[in-house]
Amino acid sequence: MKIISVDEKPEFVDEATAYFQKKWASENTMALYEDCIRHSIAHKGGVPNWYLLKDEEKTIGCVGLITNDFISRMDLNS
């Protein structure tokens, strides 16, 4: 199994976006995931960061590290 950081390998941004959207997004949050994943590669490191878990060439899972779980209460983030 390989863990691929989209920050370190931005060529996986489209695959990661599609996978996260398929597994986690609703119709209302599709653009939110795409925006967050695409903008995360610009900062290189830290949070947010997105990972794909691959077995050979097949994606078998994903991990997203974000500061606020897409909630609107940014005042609760410390």
C-alpha atoms as a PDB file:
ATOM      1  CA  MET A   1       0.000   0.000   0.000  1.00  0.00           C
ATOM      2  CA  LYS A   2       1.178   3.517  -0.817  1.00  0.00           C
ATOM      3  CA  ILE A   3       0.137   6.755   0.850  1.00  0.00           C
ATOM      4  CA  ILE A   4       0.222   9.603  -1.653  1.00  0.00           C
ATOM      5  CA  SER A   5       0.196  13.212  -0.498  1.00  0.00           C
ATOM      6  CA  VAL A   6      -1.502  15.417  -3.067  1.00  0.00           C
ATOM      7  CA  ASP A   7       0.718  18.282  -1.818  1.00  0.00           C
ATOM      8  CA  GLU A   8       3.810  16.320  -2.802  1.00  0.00           C
ATOM      9  CA  LYS A   9       2.324  14.853  -5.982  1.00  0.00           C
ATOM     10  CA  PRO A  10      -0.050  17.429  -7.477  1.00  0.00           C
ATOM     11  CA  GLU A  11      -0.502  15.267 -10.564  1.00  0.00           C
ATOM     12  CA  PHE A  12      -2.999  13.332  -8.387  1.00  0.00           C
ATOM     13  CA  VAL A  13      -5.215  16.374  -7.721  1.00  0.00           C
ATOM     14  CA  ASP A  14      -7.898  15.359 -10.239  1.00  0.00           C
ATOM     15  CA  GLU A  15      -7.989  11.763  -9.018  1.00  0.00           C
ATOM     16  CA  ALA A  16      -8.100  12.871  -5.382  1.00  0.00           C
ATOM     17  CA  THR A  17     -10.859  15.386  -6.064  1.00  0.00           C
ATOM     18  CA  ALA A  18     -12.999  12.798  -7.860  1.00  0.00           C
ATOM     19  CA  TYR A  19     -12.424  10.172  -5.165  1.00  0.00           C
ATOM     20  CA  PHE A  20     -13.223  12.480  -2.243  1.00  0.00           C
ATOM     21  CA  GLN A  21     -16.305  13.816  -4.013  1.00  0.00           C
ATOM     22  CA  LYS A  22     -17.546  10.289  -4.738  1.00  0.00           C
ATOM     23  CA  LYS A  23     -17.036   9.122  -1.156  1.00  0.00           C
ATOM     24  CA  TRP A  24     -17.867  12.200   0.913  1.00  0.00           C
ATOM     25  CA  ALA A  25     -19.488  15.049  -1.003  1.00  0.00           C
ATOM     26  CA  SER A  26     -23.136  15.807  -1.430  1.00  0.00           C
ATOM     27  CA  GLU A  27     -24.516  17.672  -4.407  1.00  0.00           C
ATOM     28  CA  ASN A  28     -24.112  20.869  -2.366  1.00  0.00           C
ATOM     29  CA  THR A  29     -20.469  20.261  -1.373  1.00  0.00           C
ATOM     30  CA  MET A  30     -18.912  19.032  -4.641  1.00  0.00           C
ATOM     31  CA  ALA A  31     -17.381  22.445  -5.407  1.00  0.00           C
ATOM     32  CA  LEU A  32     -16.224  22.847  -1.808  1.00  0.00           C
ATOM     33  CA  TYR A  33     -14.092  19.704  -1.986  1.00  0.00           C
ATOM     34  CA  GLU A  34     -12.659  20.652  -5.359  1.00  0.00           C
ATOM     35  CA  ASP A  35     -11.777  24.158  -4.201  1.00  0.00           C
ATOM     36  CA  CYS A  36     -10.156  22.982  -0.968  1.00  0.00           C
ATOM     37  CA  ILE A  37      -8.087  20.229  -2.608  1.00  0.00           C
ATOM     38  CA  ARG A  38      -6.904  22.428  -5.483  1.00  0.00           C
ATOM     39  CA  HIS A  39      -5.951  25.321  -3.201  1.00  0.00           C
ATOM     40  CA  SER A  40      -4.200  23.113  -0.646  1.00  0.00           C
ATOM     41  CA  ILE A  41      -1.373  22.269  -3.051  1.00  0.00           C
ATOM     42  CA  ALA A  42      -0.347  25.925  -3.226  1.00  0.00           C
ATOM     43  CA  HIS A  43       0.734  26.114   0.436  1.00  0.00           C
ATOM     44  CA  LYS A  44       2.949  22.953   0.494  1.00  0.00           C
ATOM     45  CA  GLY A  45       2.635  21.289   3.864  1.00  0.00           C
ATOM     46  CA  GLY A  46       0.515  21.822   6.914  1.00  0.00           C
ATOM     47  CA  VAL A  47      -3.255  21.768   6.936  1.00  0.00           C
ATOM     48  CA  PRO A  48      -5.280  21.218   4.810  1.00  0.00           C
ATOM     49  CA  ASN A  49      -3.668  18.207   3.230  1.00  0.00           C
ATOM     50  CA  TRP A  50      -5.192  15.377   1.232  1.00  0.00           C
ATOM     51  CA  TYR A  51      -3.983  11.811   0.800  1.00  0.00           C
ATOM     52  CA  LEU A  52      -4.880   8.855  -1.384  1.00  0.00           C
ATOM     53  CA  LEU A  53      -4.286   5.284  -0.253  1.00  0.00           C
ATOM     54  CA  LYS A  54      -3.362   3.071  -3.186  1.00  0.00           C
ATOM     55  CA  ASP A  55      -2.867  -0.668  -3.516  1.00  0.00           C
ATOM     56  CA  GLU A  56      -0.919  -1.131  -6.729  1.00  0.00           C
ATOM     57  CA  GLU A  57      -2.750   1.226  -9.103  1.00  0.00           C
ATOM     58  CA  LYS A  58      -6.156   1.028  -7.394  1.00  0.00           C
ATOM     59  CA  THR A  59      -7.259   3.760  -4.983  1.00  0.00           C
ATOM     60  CA  ILE A  60      -8.551   2.042  -1.853  1.00  0.00           C
ATOM     61  CA  GLY A  61      -9.046   4.971   0.510  1.00  0.00           C
ATOM     62  CA  CYS A  62      -8.527   8.610   1.297  1.00  0.00           C
ATOM     63  CA  VAL A  63      -7.635  10.895   4.167  1.00  0.00           C
ATOM     64  CA  GLY A  64      -8.250  14.601   4.421  1.00  0.00           C
ATOM     65  CA  LEU A  65      -6.737  16.771   7.144  1.00  0.00           C
ATOM     66  CA  ILE A  66      -8.602  20.056   7.425  1.00  0.00           C
ATOM     67  CA  THR A  67      -8.891  22.701  10.111  1.00  0.00           C
ATOM     68  CA  ASN A  68     -12.645  22.866  10.560  1.00  0.00           C
ATOM     69  CA  ASP A  69     -14.463  19.939   8.892  1.00  0.00           C
ATOM     70  CA  PHE A  70     -16.153  22.452   6.589  1.00  0.00           C
ATOM     71  CA  ILE A  71     -18.175  24.031   9.368  1.00  0.00           C
ATOM     72  CA  SER A  72     -19.096  27.675   9.299  1.00  0.00           C
ATOM     73  CA  ARG A  73     -18.013  28.378  12.911  1.00  0.00           C
ATOM     74  CA  MET A  74     -14.406  29.401  12.273  1.00  0.00           C
ATOM     75  CA  ASP A  75     -14.351  30.955  15.742  1.00  0.00           C
ATOM     76  CA  LEU A  76     -14.234  27.392  17.136  1.00  0.00           C
ATOM     77  CA  ASN A  77     -10.925  26.709  15.385  1.00  0.00           C
ATOM     78  CA  SER A  78      -7.923  27.180  17.629  1.00  0.00           C
END
